Protein backbone atom coordinates (compact mmCIF):
# COMPACT_ATOMS: atom_id res chain seq x y z
CA MET A 1 -91.88 -12.51 135.74
CA PHE A 2 -89.16 -15.10 135.98
CA VAL A 3 -86.91 -16.19 133.13
CA VAL A 4 -87.08 -19.97 132.94
CA LEU A 5 -83.54 -21.29 133.14
CA GLU A 6 -84.39 -24.90 133.84
CA THR A 7 -87.50 -26.95 133.17
CA ILE A 8 -88.01 -30.08 135.21
CA LYS A 9 -90.15 -32.75 133.57
CA GLN A 10 -90.92 -35.79 135.66
CA GLU A 11 -93.92 -37.95 136.50
CA ASN A 12 -96.24 -35.93 138.77
CA PHE A 13 -94.18 -32.87 137.88
CA CYS A 14 -94.89 -32.46 134.19
CA HIS A 15 -94.14 -29.11 132.59
CA ALA A 16 -93.53 -27.41 135.94
CA ALA A 17 -91.08 -24.68 135.04
CA PHE A 18 -88.71 -23.69 137.83
CA THR A 19 -86.27 -20.84 137.80
CA LYS A 20 -82.93 -21.42 139.41
CA GLY A 21 -81.97 -18.27 141.32
CA TYR A 22 -78.23 -18.16 140.67
CA GLU A 23 -77.95 -14.44 141.30
CA PHE A 24 -79.45 -14.50 144.75
CA ILE A 25 -78.72 -17.99 146.12
CA GLN A 26 -76.44 -16.74 148.88
CA GLU A 27 -78.65 -13.74 149.58
CA THR A 28 -81.62 -16.03 150.04
CA ALA A 29 -79.73 -18.17 152.53
CA THR A 30 -78.81 -15.17 154.64
CA ILE A 31 -82.18 -13.42 154.75
CA LEU A 32 -84.58 -16.33 155.06
CA ASN A 33 -85.02 -15.49 158.72
CA HIS A 34 -85.96 -11.96 157.66
CA THR A 35 -89.17 -13.33 156.11
CA LYS A 36 -88.30 -13.08 152.43
CA TYR A 37 -89.60 -16.58 151.71
CA GLY A 38 -92.21 -18.63 153.51
CA LEU A 39 -90.59 -21.90 154.55
CA ALA A 40 -92.63 -24.99 155.20
CA SER A 41 -91.89 -26.77 158.47
CA THR A 42 -91.52 -29.98 156.48
CA HIS A 43 -88.03 -30.68 155.15
CA TRP A 44 -86.00 -33.73 154.19
CA SER A 45 -82.31 -34.60 154.37
CA GLY A 46 -80.23 -37.01 152.31
CA VAL A 47 -82.11 -36.26 149.09
CA SER A 48 -80.06 -37.39 146.09
CA SER A 49 -80.76 -34.60 143.58
CA SER A 50 -82.73 -31.45 142.88
CA LEU A 51 -85.06 -33.47 140.63
CA THR A 52 -85.83 -35.85 143.48
CA CYS A 53 -86.37 -32.87 145.76
CA ALA A 54 -88.76 -31.37 143.20
CA SER A 55 -90.77 -34.58 143.00
CA MET A 56 -91.01 -34.82 146.79
CA VAL A 57 -92.14 -31.21 147.07
CA VAL A 58 -94.83 -31.59 144.41
CA ASN A 59 -96.16 -34.83 145.89
CA SER A 60 -96.08 -33.67 149.51
CA CYS A 61 -96.77 -29.94 149.22
CA PRO A 62 -99.30 -29.17 146.46
CA GLY A 63 -99.15 -25.54 145.44
CA SER A 64 -95.65 -25.02 146.82
CA ARG A 65 -93.85 -21.82 145.81
CA GLY A 66 -90.68 -23.78 145.12
CA TYR A 67 -87.86 -25.26 147.14
CA ILE A 68 -84.27 -24.88 148.31
CA PHE A 69 -81.92 -27.79 147.68
CA GLU A 70 -78.49 -28.07 149.31
CA PRO A 71 -76.56 -30.61 147.18
CA VAL A 72 -73.86 -31.49 149.74
CA SER A 73 -76.16 -32.45 152.61
CA GLY A 74 -79.13 -33.28 150.40
CA LEU A 75 -81.37 -31.00 152.46
CA CYS A 76 -84.62 -30.30 150.60
CA THR A 77 -86.87 -27.56 151.99
CA PRO A 78 -90.22 -26.57 150.41
CA LEU A 79 -91.24 -22.94 150.14
CA ASN A 80 -94.78 -21.82 150.69
CA TRP A 81 -94.93 -18.42 148.98
CA LEU A 82 -93.29 -15.04 149.03
CA HIS A 83 -94.78 -13.06 151.87
CA GLU A 84 -94.18 -10.76 154.77
CA GLY A 85 -94.80 -12.81 157.86
CA PRO A 86 -93.30 -14.48 160.90
CA SER A 87 -89.92 -16.11 160.45
CA PRO A 88 -89.66 -19.90 160.60
CA ASN A 89 -88.47 -21.62 163.76
CA PHE A 90 -85.54 -23.34 162.08
CA GLY A 91 -82.56 -22.29 160.00
CA ILE A 92 -81.38 -23.49 156.61
CA PRO A 93 -77.92 -23.58 155.03
CA ALA A 94 -77.01 -22.01 151.72
CA GLY A 95 -78.46 -23.85 148.77
CA GLU A 96 -79.91 -23.69 145.29
CA LEU A 97 -83.20 -21.83 145.06
CA TYR A 98 -85.90 -23.02 142.67
CA LEU A 99 -89.07 -21.00 142.14
CA THR A 100 -92.16 -21.60 140.07
CA THR A 101 -94.68 -19.26 138.50
CA ASP A 102 -97.18 -22.10 138.09
CA HIS A 103 -100.20 -22.63 140.34
CA LEU A 104 -99.86 -19.40 142.29
CA CYS A 105 -102.77 -17.41 140.84
CA PRO A 106 -106.17 -18.73 139.77
CA ASP A 107 -107.17 -17.90 136.19
CA PRO A 108 -107.50 -15.26 134.84
CA PHE A 109 -105.25 -13.53 137.41
CA LYS A 110 -101.56 -13.12 136.62
CA ILE A 111 -98.65 -13.18 139.01
CA VAL A 112 -96.65 -9.96 139.36
CA GLN A 113 -93.36 -9.80 141.24
CA SER A 114 -91.69 -6.75 142.72
CA LYS A 115 -88.26 -5.81 141.41
CA SER A 116 -86.71 -6.42 144.82
CA ASP A 117 -88.09 -9.98 144.74
CA ARG A 118 -89.66 -9.50 148.18
CA GLN A 119 -93.30 -9.47 147.17
CA VAL A 120 -95.60 -11.13 144.66
CA ALA A 121 -99.30 -10.62 144.03
CA CYS A 122 -102.07 -11.93 141.81
CA PHE A 123 -103.47 -9.03 139.77
CA LEU A 124 -105.99 -8.59 136.98
CA ARG A 125 -106.61 -5.30 135.20
CA ILE A 126 -110.30 -4.90 134.39
CA SER A 127 -111.53 -3.09 131.30
CA PRO A 128 -113.56 -1.39 129.90
CA SER A 129 -113.67 1.54 132.27
CA THR A 130 -116.11 1.38 135.14
CA SER A 131 -117.07 3.14 138.35
CA TYR A 132 -115.62 2.21 141.74
CA GLY A 133 -118.72 0.20 142.54
CA GLY A 134 -118.65 -1.49 139.16
CA GLY A 135 -114.99 -2.40 139.58
CA THR A 136 -115.67 -3.73 143.06
CA ASN A 137 -118.47 -5.96 141.79
CA LYS A 138 -116.35 -7.34 138.96
CA CYS A 139 -113.53 -8.20 141.35
CA VAL A 140 -115.92 -9.86 143.81
CA ASP A 141 -117.46 -11.89 140.98
CA LEU A 142 -113.95 -13.23 140.28
CA GLY A 143 -113.41 -14.12 143.93
CA GLY A 144 -111.17 -11.14 144.65
CA TYR A 145 -111.24 -7.48 145.64
CA LEU A 146 -109.94 -4.17 144.37
CA ALA A 147 -106.18 -4.14 144.93
CA THR A 148 -104.59 -3.38 148.28
CA VAL A 149 -101.58 -1.03 148.10
CA LYS A 150 -100.01 -0.51 151.52
CA THR A 151 -96.31 -0.29 150.68
CA ALA A 152 -94.06 1.59 148.28
CA GLU A 153 -93.01 -1.78 146.91
CA LYS A 154 -96.59 -2.78 146.13
CA LEU A 155 -97.15 0.67 144.62
CA ALA A 156 -94.22 0.10 142.27
CA MET A 157 -95.90 -3.08 141.05
CA VAL A 158 -99.08 -1.10 140.31
CA VAL A 159 -97.04 1.54 138.45
CA GLU A 160 -95.71 -1.19 136.17
CA ILE A 161 -99.17 -2.57 135.47
CA ALA A 162 -100.83 0.81 134.96
CA GLN A 163 -98.39 2.14 132.35
CA GLY A 164 -99.55 5.68 133.07
CA ALA A 165 -103.28 4.92 133.31
CA ASN A 166 -105.60 5.54 136.24
CA LEU A 167 -106.80 2.43 138.11
CA TRP A 168 -109.29 1.86 140.90
CA VAL A 169 -107.81 0.31 144.04
CA GLY A 170 -109.67 -1.04 147.03
CA MET A 171 -110.13 1.70 149.61
CA ASP A 172 -112.85 4.25 150.38
CA ASP A 173 -114.35 6.37 153.16
CA LYS A 174 -117.97 5.99 152.09
CA ASP A 175 -119.12 4.84 155.54
CA LYS A 176 -117.44 7.63 157.49
CA GLU A 177 -115.78 10.71 156.02
CA GLY A 178 -112.03 10.66 156.55
CA ARG A 179 -111.93 7.05 157.75
CA TYR A 180 -110.46 5.21 154.77
CA VAL A 181 -110.92 1.44 154.90
CA TRP A 182 -109.28 -1.23 152.73
CA GLN A 183 -111.67 -3.68 151.07
CA GLU A 184 -109.40 -6.69 151.57
CA ASP A 185 -109.08 -6.77 155.36
CA LYS A 186 -111.23 -3.84 156.55
CA SER A 187 -108.16 -2.18 158.08
CA VAL A 188 -108.06 1.60 158.37
CA LEU A 189 -105.54 3.74 156.49
CA THR A 190 -102.60 4.64 158.72
CA GLN A 191 -100.36 7.69 158.49
CA GLU A 192 -97.40 5.47 157.61
CA VAL A 193 -99.21 3.93 154.65
CA LYS A 194 -100.59 7.31 153.62
CA ASP A 195 -97.07 8.76 153.45
CA ALA A 196 -95.81 5.75 151.48
CA VAL A 197 -98.42 5.55 148.73
CA PHE A 198 -100.50 8.75 148.44
CA ASN A 199 -99.78 12.00 146.65
CA PRO A 200 -98.74 14.72 149.11
CA GLY A 201 -101.84 16.36 150.56
CA GLU A 202 -104.07 13.46 149.58
CA PRO A 203 -106.64 12.18 150.23
CA ASN A 204 -108.29 15.59 150.50
CA ASN A 205 -111.97 14.97 149.61
CA GLY A 206 -111.87 17.56 146.84
CA TRP A 207 -115.20 19.38 146.36
CA ASN A 208 -116.52 17.19 149.20
CA VAL A 209 -117.29 14.37 146.76
CA GLU A 210 -114.11 12.25 146.66
CA ASP A 211 -114.77 9.10 148.67
CA CYS A 212 -113.00 6.41 146.62
CA VAL A 213 -109.32 5.80 145.97
CA HIS A 214 -107.55 5.25 142.68
CA TYR A 215 -104.01 5.04 141.40
CA ARG A 216 -103.32 8.28 139.53
CA GLY A 217 -101.14 7.45 136.57
CA SER A 218 -99.87 10.98 135.96
CA LYS A 219 -98.55 11.21 139.53
CA GLY A 220 -97.52 7.61 140.15
CA ARG A 221 -99.28 7.50 143.53
CA LEU A 222 -102.73 7.08 145.07
CA ASN A 223 -105.38 9.78 145.14
CA ASP A 224 -109.03 10.09 146.19
CA GLN A 225 -111.64 10.50 143.46
CA HIS A 226 -115.40 10.68 143.11
CA CYS A 227 -116.70 7.13 143.00
CA TRP A 228 -118.61 7.41 139.72
CA ALA A 229 -115.52 8.25 137.63
CA LYS A 230 -115.04 5.73 134.81
CA ILE A 231 -111.56 4.18 134.78
CA ASN A 232 -110.06 0.67 134.65
CA ALA A 233 -110.04 -1.34 137.88
CA LEU A 234 -107.21 -3.40 139.36
CA CYS A 235 -108.41 -6.61 140.96
CA GLU A 236 -106.35 -8.74 143.35
CA ILE A 237 -106.82 -12.21 144.79
CA PRO A 238 -104.74 -14.01 147.43
CA LEU A 239 -101.96 -16.30 146.26
CA ILE A 240 -102.86 -19.97 146.28
CA GLN A 241 -101.28 -21.29 149.46
CA SER A 242 -99.17 -24.39 149.73
CA GLN A 243 -100.83 -27.36 151.39
CA CYS A 244 -97.62 -28.37 153.12
């Protein structure tokens, strides 16, 4: 989570806490085209202050991730959300980065950020313990799905949440043995993802009954398990997207 260094209070912007990213201002400016932050195509020049920029962003781009303000030129650029995606078709000079943790995840989901600052996700740990099917149903009832874990960075976020416990995540091969499919987007497990997030030698369909995938707390990686095992579930829901 972010440490709130500055709170902006203004009409139409009440109690919206923004964190000013002093430690990575210059880094942000240099890697924006490497898809660290989603930039909105909308941007304004000649803006008088960061507070004015904030007000413009909130009024014009509901749900914005934050903004970058360059005080010399007055360039104000909204951010959509942290994501891995196509780079924007315009550049941006160095500036002051403001981020918000508000309005990114619907209740009761909580935002979790990777230590590298390159990825955020909306997670909710479900208890008491339940089967894979039970966990799936609870996540669906909340508008989400069992968590998708395709990168080492996302896995590290799960490690932090789990605190050594086992957690259901959203992948299984119940329809076809050996063909593991993610709940979120119905994509099939690739060798690259397998190497990044699974225990070595897994998934192995132990005893010919392991069709569902969980995070194994004792190993810190993913593993296949029989679907009726009773453990906590980790639900995920997409970030609320900016309307800019």
